[in-house]
């Protein structure tokens, strides 16, 4: 048992910094990243004996971290939007304005976790392909949870322009995810 605890501790010390940075790049605050890291390592200790080998521990940690980030994001995005989007003229009623609107509800089976990872990778790839103006507004509004008003005040860009950019980003993501759904 002592050897097992030492292996866990060594893995923790070796991976902590890189894993924290991985998480930090995907969430809005250091505190949130540390909370997720704590959850990941709790799950690591609890499920350590199910990991086939120490070589797989690193990939296992990153997979759990991705799932925790997605779970946190989905939980947080279920909150009401900060902008009154219905009062904005010129926008189509049936166009989703958040990532939550285009993501399926998934359970916690191994297949769901795999699909969640695949979705997250597809979203990250699609974000990289977006024009920078669309990507920036999407990240600030969806991931950093900044309101359109906050972004407009910081950038000097009108709220309507920001909404349009976000709409185009969501449409591009929806198109990319539809391809994935069709393939599966």
N, C-alpha and C. Protein backbone atom coordinates (compact mmCIF):
# COMPACT_ATOMS: atom_id res chain seq x y z
N UNK A 1 0.82 -1.20 0.00
CA UNK A 1 0.00 0.00 0.00
C UNK A 1 0.86 1.26 0.00
N UNK A 2 2.00 1.21 0.66
CA UNK A 2 2.90 2.36 0.73
C UNK A 2 3.47 2.69 -0.65
N UNK A 3 3.76 1.67 -1.45
CA UNK A 3 4.28 1.87 -2.80
C UNK A 3 3.21 2.54 -3.67
N UNK A 4 1.97 2.13 -3.48
CA UNK A 4 0.85 2.71 -4.23
C UNK A 4 0.71 4.20 -3.92
N UNK A 5 0.76 4.55 -2.65
CA UNK A 5 0.64 5.96 -2.25
C UNK A 5 1.80 6.78 -2.79
N UNK A 6 3.00 6.20 -2.81
CA UNK A 6 4.17 6.91 -3.33
C UNK A 6 4.02 7.16 -4.83
N UNK A 7 3.51 6.17 -5.55
CA UNK A 7 3.30 6.33 -7.00
C UNK A 7 2.26 7.41 -7.27
N UNK A 8 1.21 7.44 -6.47
CA UNK A 8 0.20 8.49 -6.63
C UNK A 8 0.81 9.87 -6.37
N UNK A 9 1.57 9.98 -5.32
CA UNK A 9 2.18 11.25 -4.96
C UNK A 9 3.16 11.70 -6.04
N UNK A 10 3.98 10.79 -6.55
CA UNK A 10 4.93 11.13 -7.61
C UNK A 10 4.21 11.62 -8.86
N UNK A 11 3.14 10.94 -9.22
CA UNK A 11 2.36 11.34 -10.40
C UNK A 11 1.75 12.71 -10.17
N UNK A 12 1.21 12.95 -8.98
CA UNK A 12 0.63 14.24 -8.66
C UNK A 12 1.67 15.35 -8.79
N UNK A 13 2.83 15.15 -8.18
CA UNK A 13 3.86 16.19 -8.21
C UNK A 13 4.38 16.44 -9.63
N UNK A 14 4.48 15.38 -10.40
CA UNK A 14 4.98 15.49 -11.76
C UNK A 14 4.00 16.22 -12.68
N UNK A 15 2.71 15.95 -12.53
CA UNK A 15 1.71 16.45 -13.47
C UNK A 15 0.98 17.72 -13.02
N UNK A 16 1.09 18.09 -11.77
CA UNK A 16 0.29 19.18 -11.22
C UNK A 16 0.42 20.48 -12.01
N UNK A 17 1.61 20.94 -12.27
CA UNK A 17 1.82 22.22 -12.95
C UNK A 17 1.26 22.24 -14.36
N UNK A 18 1.58 21.20 -15.12
CA UNK A 18 1.11 21.15 -16.51
C UNK A 18 -0.41 21.01 -16.56
N UNK A 19 -0.96 20.20 -15.68
CA UNK A 19 -2.40 19.99 -15.67
C UNK A 19 -3.13 21.27 -15.25
N UNK A 20 -2.59 21.98 -14.26
CA UNK A 20 -3.19 23.24 -13.84
C UNK A 20 -3.18 24.24 -14.99
N UNK A 21 -2.09 24.32 -15.72
CA UNK A 21 -2.02 25.23 -16.87
C UNK A 21 -3.02 24.83 -17.95
N UNK A 22 -3.14 23.53 -18.21
CA UNK A 22 -4.12 23.02 -19.18
C UNK A 22 -5.53 23.47 -18.79
N UNK A 23 -5.87 23.31 -17.53
CA UNK A 23 -7.19 23.69 -17.04
C UNK A 23 -7.35 25.21 -17.07
N UNK A 24 -6.33 25.91 -16.62
CA UNK A 24 -6.38 27.39 -16.54
C UNK A 24 -6.63 28.01 -17.91
N UNK A 25 -6.09 27.40 -18.96
CA UNK A 25 -6.28 27.92 -20.32
C UNK A 25 -7.72 27.75 -20.80
N UNK A 26 -8.53 27.00 -20.06
CA UNK A 26 -9.88 26.70 -20.51
C UNK A 26 -10.98 27.21 -19.58
N UNK A 27 -10.58 27.83 -18.47
CA UNK A 27 -11.57 28.37 -17.55
C UNK A 27 -11.26 29.84 -17.27
N UNK A 28 -12.19 30.52 -16.59
CA UNK A 28 -12.08 31.97 -16.46
C UNK A 28 -11.25 32.47 -15.27
N UNK A 29 -10.95 31.60 -14.31
CA UNK A 29 -10.19 32.10 -13.16
C UNK A 29 -9.24 31.03 -12.61
N UNK A 30 -8.24 31.50 -11.91
CA UNK A 30 -7.28 30.59 -11.27
C UNK A 30 -7.98 29.75 -10.20
N UNK A 31 -8.88 30.38 -9.46
CA UNK A 31 -9.59 29.67 -8.39
C UNK A 31 -10.41 28.52 -8.97
N UNK A 32 -11.10 28.79 -10.08
CA UNK A 32 -11.89 27.75 -10.71
C UNK A 32 -10.99 26.61 -11.22
N UNK A 33 -9.84 26.98 -11.78
CA UNK A 33 -8.88 25.98 -12.26
C UNK A 33 -8.38 25.11 -11.11
N UNK A 34 -8.10 25.74 -9.98
CA UNK A 34 -7.63 24.98 -8.82
C UNK A 34 -8.71 24.06 -8.27
N UNK A 35 -9.97 24.53 -8.29
CA UNK A 35 -11.08 23.67 -7.86
C UNK A 35 -11.19 22.44 -8.74
N UNK A 36 -11.10 22.65 -10.04
CA UNK A 36 -11.19 21.54 -10.98
C UNK A 36 -10.00 20.60 -10.79
N UNK A 37 -8.81 21.16 -10.61
CA UNK A 37 -7.62 20.33 -10.39
C UNK A 37 -7.79 19.47 -9.14
N UNK A 38 -8.35 20.05 -8.09
CA UNK A 38 -8.59 19.30 -6.87
C UNK A 38 -9.56 18.15 -7.14
N UNK A 39 -10.62 18.43 -7.90
CA UNK A 39 -11.59 17.38 -8.26
C UNK A 39 -10.92 16.26 -9.07
N UNK A 40 -10.05 16.66 -9.99
CA UNK A 40 -9.35 15.68 -10.84
C UNK A 40 -8.48 14.78 -9.99
N UNK A 41 -7.72 15.36 -9.08
CA UNK A 41 -6.83 14.53 -8.27
C UNK A 41 -7.60 13.72 -7.23
N UNK A 42 -8.72 14.21 -6.77
CA UNK A 42 -9.56 13.39 -5.89
C UNK A 42 -10.02 12.15 -6.64
N UNK A 43 -10.49 12.37 -7.87
CA UNK A 43 -10.94 11.24 -8.69
C UNK A 43 -9.76 10.32 -9.03
N UNK A 44 -8.59 10.90 -9.20
CA UNK A 44 -7.37 10.12 -9.48
C UNK A 44 -7.05 9.18 -8.32
N UNK A 45 -7.09 9.71 -7.11
CA UNK A 45 -6.80 8.88 -5.94
C UNK A 45 -7.89 7.83 -5.76
N UNK A 46 -9.15 8.23 -5.95
CA UNK A 46 -10.25 7.30 -5.76
C UNK A 46 -10.25 6.18 -6.81
N UNK A 47 -9.84 6.51 -8.03
CA UNK A 47 -9.90 5.52 -9.10
C UNK A 47 -8.55 5.02 -9.56
N UNK A 48 -7.52 5.23 -8.75
CA UNK A 48 -6.15 4.91 -9.15
C UNK A 48 -5.98 3.45 -9.56
N UNK A 49 -6.62 2.57 -8.87
CA UNK A 49 -6.43 1.14 -9.16
C UNK A 49 -7.07 0.71 -10.48
N UNK A 50 -7.95 1.55 -11.04
CA UNK A 50 -8.57 1.21 -12.32
C UNK A 50 -7.71 1.62 -13.51
N UNK A 51 -6.69 2.43 -13.27
CA UNK A 51 -5.80 2.87 -14.36
C UNK A 51 -4.85 1.71 -14.66
N UNK A 52 -4.76 1.35 -15.94
CA UNK A 52 -4.02 0.15 -16.34
C UNK A 52 -2.53 0.22 -16.05
N UNK A 53 -1.92 1.39 -16.25
CA UNK A 53 -0.49 1.51 -15.98
C UNK A 53 -0.16 2.97 -15.70
N UNK A 54 1.01 3.19 -15.14
CA UNK A 54 1.44 4.56 -14.86
C UNK A 54 1.58 5.38 -16.14
N UNK A 55 1.91 4.70 -17.26
CA UNK A 55 2.03 5.40 -18.54
C UNK A 55 0.70 6.04 -18.92
N UNK A 56 -0.39 5.38 -18.57
CA UNK A 56 -1.71 5.85 -18.95
C UNK A 56 -2.25 6.87 -17.96
N UNK A 57 -1.59 7.05 -16.84
CA UNK A 57 -2.09 7.97 -15.80
C UNK A 57 -2.19 9.39 -16.33
N UNK A 58 -1.21 9.83 -17.09
CA UNK A 58 -1.23 11.20 -17.61
C UNK A 58 -2.40 11.41 -18.54
N UNK A 59 -2.60 10.52 -19.50
CA UNK A 59 -3.72 10.69 -20.41
C UNK A 59 -5.04 10.58 -19.66
N UNK A 60 -5.11 9.73 -18.66
CA UNK A 60 -6.30 9.59 -17.84
C UNK A 60 -6.60 10.91 -17.12
N UNK A 61 -5.56 11.54 -16.55
CA UNK A 61 -5.73 12.81 -15.84
C UNK A 61 -6.29 13.89 -16.77
N UNK A 62 -5.74 13.98 -17.98
CA UNK A 62 -6.19 15.00 -18.92
C UNK A 62 -7.63 14.72 -19.38
N UNK A 63 -7.97 13.47 -19.57
CA UNK A 63 -9.34 13.13 -19.96
C UNK A 63 -10.32 13.52 -18.85
N UNK A 64 -9.96 13.23 -17.61
CA UNK A 64 -10.83 13.61 -16.48
C UNK A 64 -10.91 15.13 -16.38
N UNK A 65 -9.80 15.81 -16.58
CA UNK A 65 -9.80 17.28 -16.52
C UNK A 65 -10.73 17.86 -17.59
N UNK A 66 -10.64 17.34 -18.82
CA UNK A 66 -11.53 17.82 -19.89
C UNK A 66 -12.99 17.60 -19.51
N UNK A 67 -13.30 16.44 -18.97
CA UNK A 67 -14.69 16.16 -18.55
C UNK A 67 -15.14 17.12 -17.45
N UNK A 68 -14.28 17.39 -16.49
CA UNK A 68 -14.62 18.31 -15.40
C UNK A 68 -14.85 19.73 -15.92
N UNK A 69 -14.02 20.15 -16.87
CA UNK A 69 -14.18 21.49 -17.47
C UNK A 69 -15.51 21.57 -18.19
N UNK A 70 -15.81 20.56 -18.98
CA UNK A 70 -17.06 20.54 -19.72
C UNK A 70 -18.25 20.52 -18.76
N UNK A 71 -18.17 19.68 -17.73
CA UNK A 71 -19.25 19.62 -16.75
C UNK A 71 -19.45 20.97 -16.07
N UNK A 72 -18.37 21.61 -15.70
CA UNK A 72 -18.45 22.93 -15.05
C UNK A 72 -19.04 23.95 -16.00
N UNK A 73 -18.59 23.91 -17.23
CA UNK A 73 -19.09 24.85 -18.23
C UNK A 73 -20.59 24.65 -18.46
N UNK A 74 -21.01 23.41 -18.59
CA UNK A 74 -22.42 23.12 -18.83
C UNK A 74 -23.27 23.54 -17.63
N UNK A 75 -22.77 23.30 -16.43
CA UNK A 75 -23.50 23.69 -15.23
C UNK A 75 -23.64 25.22 -15.16
N UNK A 76 -22.54 25.91 -15.42
CA UNK A 76 -22.55 27.37 -15.35
C UNK A 76 -23.37 28.00 -16.47
N UNK A 77 -23.34 27.39 -17.65
CA UNK A 77 -24.06 28.00 -18.77
C UNK A 77 -25.56 27.77 -18.69
N UNK A 78 -26.01 26.97 -17.74
CA UNK A 78 -27.45 26.77 -17.56
C UNK A 78 -28.09 27.98 -16.89
N UNK A 79 -27.24 28.87 -16.36
CA UNK A 79 -27.77 30.09 -15.75
C UNK A 79 -28.35 31.01 -16.82
N UNK A 80 -29.26 31.90 -16.46
CA UNK A 80 -29.85 32.80 -17.45
C UNK A 80 -28.78 33.70 -18.09
N UNK A 81 -29.03 34.06 -19.34
CA UNK A 81 -28.12 34.96 -20.05
C UNK A 81 -28.16 36.34 -19.39
N UNK A 82 -27.06 37.07 -19.51
CA UNK A 82 -26.99 38.38 -18.88
C UNK A 82 -27.58 39.49 -19.75
N UNK A 83 -27.72 39.26 -21.04
CA UNK A 83 -28.28 40.28 -21.92
C UNK A 83 -29.73 39.93 -22.25
N UNK A 84 -30.53 40.94 -22.48
CA UNK A 84 -31.91 40.72 -22.90
C UNK A 84 -31.90 40.57 -24.41
N UNK A 85 -31.73 39.35 -24.87
CA UNK A 85 -31.53 39.10 -26.29
C UNK A 85 -32.81 39.25 -27.09
N UNK A 86 -33.96 39.10 -26.46
CA UNK A 86 -35.22 39.20 -27.19
C UNK A 86 -35.51 40.63 -27.62
N UNK A 87 -34.94 41.60 -26.94
CA UNK A 87 -35.22 42.98 -27.28
C UNK A 87 -34.33 43.49 -28.41
N UNK A 88 -33.36 42.70 -28.83
CA UNK A 88 -32.47 43.12 -29.90
C UNK A 88 -33.17 42.92 -31.23
N UNK A 89 -33.29 43.98 -32.01
CA UNK A 89 -33.98 43.85 -33.29
C UNK A 89 -33.03 43.32 -34.36
N UNK A 90 -33.62 42.72 -35.38
CA UNK A 90 -32.83 42.25 -36.50
C UNK A 90 -32.25 40.87 -36.32
N UNK A 91 -32.46 40.24 -35.19
CA UNK A 91 -31.94 38.90 -34.97
C UNK A 91 -33.04 37.88 -35.22
N UNK A 92 -32.67 36.76 -35.81
CA UNK A 92 -33.64 35.72 -36.07
C UNK A 92 -34.00 35.02 -34.77
N UNK A 93 -35.28 34.70 -34.60
CA UNK A 93 -35.74 34.10 -33.35
C UNK A 93 -35.22 32.68 -33.14
N UNK A 94 -35.01 31.94 -34.24
CA UNK A 94 -34.66 30.53 -34.09
C UNK A 94 -33.15 30.28 -34.09
N UNK A 95 -32.34 31.31 -34.08
CA UNK A 95 -30.89 31.14 -34.09
C UNK A 95 -30.40 31.07 -32.65
N UNK A 96 -29.71 29.98 -32.30
CA UNK A 96 -29.20 29.88 -30.93
C UNK A 96 -28.12 30.93 -30.68
N UNK A 97 -28.08 31.45 -29.46
CA UNK A 97 -27.10 32.46 -29.15
C UNK A 97 -26.12 32.02 -28.08
N UNK A 98 -26.14 30.74 -27.72
CA UNK A 98 -25.17 30.25 -26.76
C UNK A 98 -24.75 28.83 -27.13
N UNK A 99 -23.61 28.45 -26.64
CA UNK A 99 -23.11 27.11 -26.88
C UNK A 99 -24.05 26.07 -26.27
N UNK A 100 -24.60 26.38 -25.13
CA UNK A 100 -25.52 25.46 -24.45
C UNK A 100 -26.69 25.08 -25.35
N UNK A 101 -27.12 26.02 -26.20
CA UNK A 101 -28.26 25.77 -27.08
C UNK A 101 -27.97 24.73 -28.15
N UNK A 102 -26.71 24.51 -28.46
CA UNK A 102 -26.39 23.58 -29.55
C UNK A 102 -25.74 22.29 -29.07
N UNK A 103 -25.54 22.15 -27.76
CA UNK A 103 -24.95 20.93 -27.22
C UNK A 103 -26.03 19.97 -26.77
N UNK A 104 -25.82 18.67 -27.01
CA UNK A 104 -26.79 17.68 -26.53
C UNK A 104 -26.62 17.44 -25.04
N UNK A 105 -27.67 16.98 -24.40
CA UNK A 105 -27.58 16.56 -23.00
C UNK A 105 -26.97 15.16 -22.98
N UNK A 106 -25.93 14.99 -22.20
CA UNK A 106 -25.24 13.70 -22.12
C UNK A 106 -25.28 13.18 -20.70
N UNK A 107 -25.27 11.88 -20.59
CA UNK A 107 -25.21 11.24 -19.28
C UNK A 107 -23.77 11.08 -18.83
N UNK A 108 -23.51 10.04 -18.06
CA UNK A 108 -22.17 9.84 -17.52
C UNK A 108 -21.66 8.44 -17.82
N UNK A 109 -22.12 7.84 -18.90
CA UNK A 109 -21.63 6.53 -19.29
C UNK A 109 -20.28 6.69 -19.99
N UNK A 110 -19.52 5.62 -20.14
CA UNK A 110 -18.25 5.73 -20.88
C UNK A 110 -18.45 6.27 -22.30
N UNK A 111 -19.54 5.87 -22.95
CA UNK A 111 -19.81 6.37 -24.31
C UNK A 111 -20.09 7.86 -24.28
N UNK A 112 -20.84 8.32 -23.27
CA UNK A 112 -21.13 9.75 -23.14
C UNK A 112 -19.86 10.54 -22.88
N UNK A 113 -18.98 10.00 -22.04
CA UNK A 113 -17.72 10.69 -21.75
C UNK A 113 -16.86 10.78 -23.01
N UNK A 114 -16.83 9.70 -23.78
CA UNK A 114 -16.08 9.72 -25.04
C UNK A 114 -16.67 10.76 -25.98
N UNK A 115 -18.00 10.78 -26.11
CA UNK A 115 -18.66 11.73 -27.00
C UNK A 115 -18.43 13.16 -26.52
N UNK A 116 -18.46 13.38 -25.19
CA UNK A 116 -18.20 14.70 -24.62
C UNK A 116 -16.78 15.17 -24.97
N UNK A 117 -15.81 14.26 -24.87
CA UNK A 117 -14.43 14.60 -25.25
C UNK A 117 -14.34 14.95 -26.72
N UNK A 118 -15.01 14.18 -27.53
CA UNK A 118 -15.01 14.41 -28.97
C UNK A 118 -15.66 15.76 -29.30
N UNK A 119 -16.76 16.06 -28.63
CA UNK A 119 -17.41 17.36 -28.82
C UNK A 119 -16.48 18.50 -28.45
N UNK A 120 -15.83 18.38 -27.29
CA UNK A 120 -14.94 19.43 -26.80
C UNK A 120 -13.79 19.65 -27.79
N UNK A 121 -13.20 18.59 -28.29
CA UNK A 121 -12.12 18.71 -29.27
C UNK A 121 -12.61 19.37 -30.55
N UNK A 122 -13.80 19.00 -31.00
CA UNK A 122 -14.38 19.59 -32.21
C UNK A 122 -14.64 21.08 -32.00
N UNK A 123 -15.16 21.44 -30.83
CA UNK A 123 -15.42 22.85 -30.53
C UNK A 123 -14.12 23.64 -30.50
N UNK A 124 -13.10 23.10 -29.85
CA UNK A 124 -11.82 23.81 -29.79
C UNK A 124 -11.21 23.99 -31.19
N UNK A 125 -11.29 22.95 -32.01
CA UNK A 125 -10.80 23.05 -33.39
C UNK A 125 -11.58 24.09 -34.17
N UNK A 126 -12.91 24.07 -34.02
CA UNK A 126 -13.76 25.03 -34.74
C UNK A 126 -13.48 26.46 -34.27
N UNK A 127 -13.24 26.65 -32.98
CA UNK A 127 -12.93 27.99 -32.49
C UNK A 127 -11.65 28.52 -33.12
N UNK A 128 -10.68 27.66 -33.29
CA UNK A 128 -9.41 28.07 -33.91
C UNK A 128 -9.60 28.53 -35.35
N UNK A 129 -10.62 28.00 -36.02
CA UNK A 129 -10.88 28.33 -37.42
C UNK A 129 -11.70 29.60 -37.60
N UNK A 130 -12.33 30.07 -36.53
CA UNK A 130 -13.16 31.27 -36.63
C UNK A 130 -12.30 32.51 -36.85
N UNK A 131 -12.86 33.52 -37.50
CA UNK A 131 -12.16 34.81 -37.55
C UNK A 131 -11.94 35.31 -36.13
N UNK A 132 -10.86 36.01 -35.91
CA UNK A 132 -10.48 36.41 -34.55
C UNK A 132 -11.56 37.22 -33.84
N UNK A 133 -12.28 38.11 -34.57
CA UNK A 133 -13.32 38.91 -33.92
C UNK A 133 -14.44 38.03 -33.36
N UNK A 134 -14.81 37.00 -34.12
CA UNK A 134 -15.86 36.09 -33.67
C UNK A 134 -15.37 35.22 -32.51
N UNK A 135 -14.16 34.71 -32.64
CA UNK A 135 -13.60 33.86 -31.59
C UNK A 135 -13.50 34.64 -30.27
N UNK A 136 -13.01 35.88 -30.34
CA UNK A 136 -12.82 36.68 -29.13
C UNK A 136 -14.14 36.94 -28.41
N UNK A 137 -15.17 37.32 -29.15
CA UNK A 137 -16.46 37.59 -28.50
C UNK A 137 -17.05 36.30 -27.94
N UNK A 138 -16.90 35.21 -28.66
CA UNK A 138 -17.41 33.93 -28.17
C UNK A 138 -16.72 33.55 -26.86
N UNK A 139 -15.41 33.61 -26.84
CA UNK A 139 -14.65 33.22 -25.65
C UNK A 139 -14.99 34.14 -24.48
N UNK A 140 -15.02 35.44 -24.74
CA UNK A 140 -15.31 36.37 -23.64
C UNK A 140 -16.71 36.17 -23.08
N UNK A 141 -17.69 35.97 -23.94
CA UNK A 141 -19.06 35.84 -23.48
C UNK A 141 -19.36 34.46 -22.92
N UNK A 142 -18.98 33.41 -23.62
CA UNK A 142 -19.33 32.04 -23.22
C UNK A 142 -18.40 31.49 -22.14
N UNK A 143 -17.10 31.64 -22.33
CA UNK A 143 -16.16 30.98 -21.43
C UNK A 143 -15.75 31.87 -20.26
N UNK A 144 -15.56 33.16 -20.52
CA UNK A 144 -15.17 34.08 -19.45
C UNK A 144 -16.39 34.72 -18.79
N UNK A 145 -17.58 34.44 -19.33
CA UNK A 145 -18.85 34.90 -18.77
C UNK A 145 -18.96 36.41 -18.65
N UNK A 146 -18.39 37.13 -19.60
CA UNK A 146 -18.54 38.58 -19.62
C UNK A 146 -19.81 38.93 -20.35
N UNK A 147 -20.52 39.92 -19.88
CA UNK A 147 -21.74 40.36 -20.54
C UNK A 147 -21.38 41.15 -21.79
N UNK A 148 -22.34 41.25 -22.70
CA UNK A 148 -22.11 42.04 -23.90
C UNK A 148 -21.84 43.50 -23.54
N UNK A 149 -22.50 43.98 -22.52
CA UNK A 149 -22.28 45.37 -22.08
C UNK A 149 -20.83 45.56 -21.60
N UNK A 150 -20.33 44.61 -20.81
CA UNK A 150 -18.94 44.71 -20.33
C UNK A 150 -17.96 44.71 -21.50
N UNK A 151 -18.20 43.83 -22.46
CA UNK A 151 -17.30 43.73 -23.61
C UNK A 151 -17.38 45.00 -24.45
N UNK A 152 -18.59 45.52 -24.64
CA UNK A 152 -18.76 46.75 -25.42
C UNK A 152 -18.04 47.91 -24.76
N UNK A 153 -18.15 48.03 -23.45
CA UNK A 153 -17.47 49.11 -22.74
C UNK A 153 -15.96 48.98 -22.83
N UNK A 154 -15.46 47.75 -22.77
CA UNK A 154 -14.01 47.53 -22.82
C UNK A 154 -13.43 47.73 -24.22
N UNK A 155 -14.20 47.39 -25.23
CA UNK A 155 -13.67 47.43 -26.60
C UNK A 155 -14.12 48.63 -27.41
N UNK A 156 -15.23 49.27 -27.01
CA UNK A 156 -15.78 50.37 -27.79
C UNK A 156 -16.60 49.90 -28.98
N UNK A 157 -16.88 48.61 -29.05
CA UNK A 157 -17.67 48.04 -30.14
C UNK A 157 -19.12 47.95 -29.67
N UNK A 158 -20.05 48.28 -30.57
CA UNK A 158 -21.47 48.30 -30.17
C UNK A 158 -21.96 46.89 -29.80
N UNK A 159 -22.96 46.86 -28.95
CA UNK A 159 -23.54 45.58 -28.52
C UNK A 159 -24.11 44.83 -29.71
N UNK A 160 -24.77 45.54 -30.63
CA UNK A 160 -25.33 44.87 -31.81
C UNK A 160 -24.25 44.20 -32.65
N UNK A 161 -23.11 44.85 -32.80
CA UNK A 161 -21.99 44.24 -33.54
C UNK A 161 -21.48 43.01 -32.81
N UNK A 162 -21.35 43.13 -31.50
CA UNK A 162 -20.89 41.98 -30.71
C UNK A 162 -21.87 40.81 -30.82
N UNK A 163 -23.17 41.11 -30.74
CA UNK A 163 -24.18 40.06 -30.88
C UNK A 163 -24.11 39.39 -32.25
N UNK A 164 -23.90 40.18 -33.28
CA UNK A 164 -23.80 39.62 -34.63
C UNK A 164 -22.58 38.71 -34.74
N UNK A 165 -21.45 39.14 -34.18
CA UNK A 165 -20.24 38.31 -34.23
C UNK A 165 -20.45 37.01 -33.47
N UNK A 166 -21.08 37.10 -32.31
CA UNK A 166 -21.35 35.89 -31.53
C UNK A 166 -22.29 34.96 -32.30
N UNK A 167 -23.29 35.54 -32.93
CA UNK A 167 -24.24 34.75 -33.72
C UNK A 167 -23.51 33.99 -34.83
N UNK A 168 -22.62 34.68 -35.54
CA UNK A 168 -21.87 34.01 -36.61
C UNK A 168 -20.98 32.90 -36.06
N UNK A 169 -20.40 33.13 -34.88
CA UNK A 169 -19.56 32.11 -34.25
C UNK A 169 -20.40 30.88 -33.90
N UNK A 170 -21.57 31.10 -33.31
CA UNK A 170 -22.45 29.99 -32.94
C UNK A 170 -22.91 29.23 -34.18
N UNK A 171 -23.24 29.96 -35.24
CA UNK A 171 -23.66 29.29 -36.47
C UNK A 171 -22.54 28.42 -37.04
N UNK A 172 -21.31 28.93 -36.99
CA UNK A 172 -20.16 28.15 -37.48
C UNK A 172 -19.95 26.91 -36.62
N UNK A 173 -20.06 27.08 -35.31
CA UNK A 173 -19.90 25.93 -34.41
C UNK A 173 -21.01 24.91 -34.62
N UNK A 174 -22.22 25.40 -34.80
CA UNK A 174 -23.35 24.49 -35.03
C UNK A 174 -23.14 23.69 -36.31
N UNK A 175 -22.65 24.36 -37.34
CA UNK A 175 -22.39 23.67 -38.61
C UNK A 175 -21.32 22.60 -38.43
N UNK A 176 -20.27 22.93 -37.70
CA UNK A 176 -19.19 21.98 -37.45
C UNK A 176 -19.66 20.80 -36.62
N UNK A 177 -20.47 21.08 -35.60
CA UNK A 177 -20.99 20.00 -34.76
C UNK A 177 -21.99 19.13 -35.53
N UNK A 178 -22.74 19.73 -36.44
CA UNK A 178 -23.68 18.95 -37.24
C UNK A 178 -22.93 17.92 -38.08
N UNK A 179 -21.78 18.31 -38.61
CA UNK A 179 -20.95 17.36 -39.37
C UNK A 179 -20.55 16.18 -38.48
N UNK A 180 -20.16 16.49 -37.25
CA UNK A 180 -19.77 15.44 -36.31
C UNK A 180 -20.97 14.53 -36.01
N UNK A 181 -22.15 15.12 -35.74
CA UNK A 181 -23.34 14.33 -35.45
C UNK A 181 -23.67 13.42 -36.63
N UNK A 182 -23.56 13.97 -37.85
CA UNK A 182 -23.87 13.18 -39.05
C UNK A 182 -22.90 12.01 -39.21
N UNK A 183 -21.64 12.23 -38.88
CA UNK A 183 -20.63 11.16 -38.98
C UNK A 183 -20.89 10.04 -37.98
N UNK A 184 -21.41 10.42 -36.81
CA UNK A 184 -21.64 9.43 -35.76
C UNK A 184 -22.98 8.78 -35.96
